[in-house]
Amino acid sequence: MARRLQLPFEILTDAEFKLCDQLHFPTFEVDGMRLLKRLTMVVRGGRIEHVFYPVFPPNESAEQVLRWLRKHPIPIQPK
């Protein structure tokens, strides 16, 4: 999906809800399907650094994440 949509970031899949259950992420059910509520995670170095939830309003979510990323830049490691 990320490649098809040409997204500049990775998309995490958790079809069996293993990670979702371990981290107690919010879910809901519709027509017998369990679905994950919309959230955004910032993951750096294999660690969850920040979670945006709820994602509301959806049309402002990307700007909220960008503002947070600007305030929390990736530290540059000395060579």
Protein backbone atom coordinates (compact mmCIF):
# COMPACT_ATOMS: atom_id res chain seq x y z
CA MET A 1 0.00 0.00 0.00
CA ALA A 2 2.76 2.48 0.91
CA ARG A 3 4.50 1.87 -2.42
CA ARG A 4 1.27 2.04 -4.42
CA LEU A 5 0.31 5.33 -2.78
CA GLN A 6 3.91 6.59 -3.00
CA LEU A 7 3.97 7.40 0.71
CA PRO A 8 7.23 8.77 2.13
CA PHE A 9 6.86 6.63 5.26
CA GLU A 10 6.22 3.03 6.23
CA ILE A 11 2.84 1.57 7.08
CA LEU A 12 2.62 -0.99 9.86
CA THR A 13 0.38 -3.99 9.34
CA ASP A 14 -1.00 -5.99 12.27
CA ALA A 15 -3.67 -8.22 10.73
CA GLU A 16 -3.74 -10.53 13.76
CA PHE A 17 -3.87 -7.61 16.24
CA LYS A 18 -0.85 -8.93 18.17
CA LEU A 19 0.87 -5.57 18.52
CA CYS A 20 -2.46 -3.81 18.95
CA ASP A 21 -3.39 -6.05 21.88
CA GLN A 22 0.04 -5.79 23.53
CA LEU A 23 -0.04 -1.98 23.36
CA HIS A 24 -3.77 -1.73 24.18
CA PHE A 25 -4.53 0.28 21.06
CA PRO A 26 -8.18 1.27 20.62
CA THR A 27 -10.34 -0.90 18.38
CA PHE A 28 -13.98 -1.14 17.40
CA GLU A 29 -16.22 -3.65 15.60
CA VAL A 30 -18.38 -3.20 12.52
CA ASP A 31 -20.26 -6.02 10.81
CA GLY A 32 -18.21 -8.60 12.69
CA MET A 33 -14.88 -7.03 11.70
CA ARG A 34 -12.46 -5.78 14.30
CA LEU A 35 -10.83 -2.56 13.19
CA LEU A 36 -8.14 -0.35 14.66
CA LYS A 37 -9.14 3.20 15.42
CA ARG A 38 -7.14 5.80 13.54
CA LEU A 39 -3.91 6.80 15.24
CA THR A 40 -0.48 8.00 14.23
CA MET A 41 2.75 6.71 15.76
CA VAL A 42 6.16 8.30 15.53
CA VAL A 43 8.69 5.44 15.70
CA ARG A 44 12.40 6.13 15.87
CA GLY A 45 15.12 3.58 16.39
CA GLY A 46 12.54 0.84 16.90
CA ARG A 47 10.86 2.69 19.79
CA ILE A 48 7.48 4.36 19.86
CA GLU A 49 8.31 7.96 20.62
CA HIS A 50 4.85 9.50 20.40
CA VAL A 51 1.26 8.47 19.65
CA PHE A 52 -1.35 10.84 18.28
CA TYR A 53 -4.81 9.73 19.34
CA PRO A 54 -7.50 10.53 18.70
CA VAL A 55 -6.81 11.68 15.16
CA PHE A 56 -9.19 14.62 15.14
CA PRO A 57 -10.05 16.50 13.18
CA PRO A 58 -8.75 14.25 10.41
CA ASN A 59 -8.13 17.11 7.99
CA GLU A 60 -5.73 18.72 10.51
CA SER A 61 -3.92 15.57 11.63
CA ALA A 62 -1.00 15.78 9.21
CA GLU A 63 -0.25 19.36 10.25
CA GLN A 64 -0.41 18.36 13.94
CA VAL A 65 2.15 15.62 13.32
CA LEU A 66 4.40 17.94 11.29
CA ARG A 67 4.31 20.57 14.07
CA TRP A 68 5.32 17.91 16.60
CA LEU A 69 8.14 16.64 14.36
CA ARG A 70 9.49 20.17 13.93
CA LYS A 71 9.56 20.59 17.72
CA HIS A 72 11.22 17.18 18.16
CA PRO A 73 13.81 16.87 15.37
CA ILE A 74 15.99 13.81 15.01
CA PRO A 75 19.26 14.54 16.83
CA ILE A 76 22.25 14.57 14.48
CA GLN A 77 24.86 12.05 15.60
CA PRO A 78 28.48 13.28 15.54
CA LYS A 79 30.70 11.40 13.10
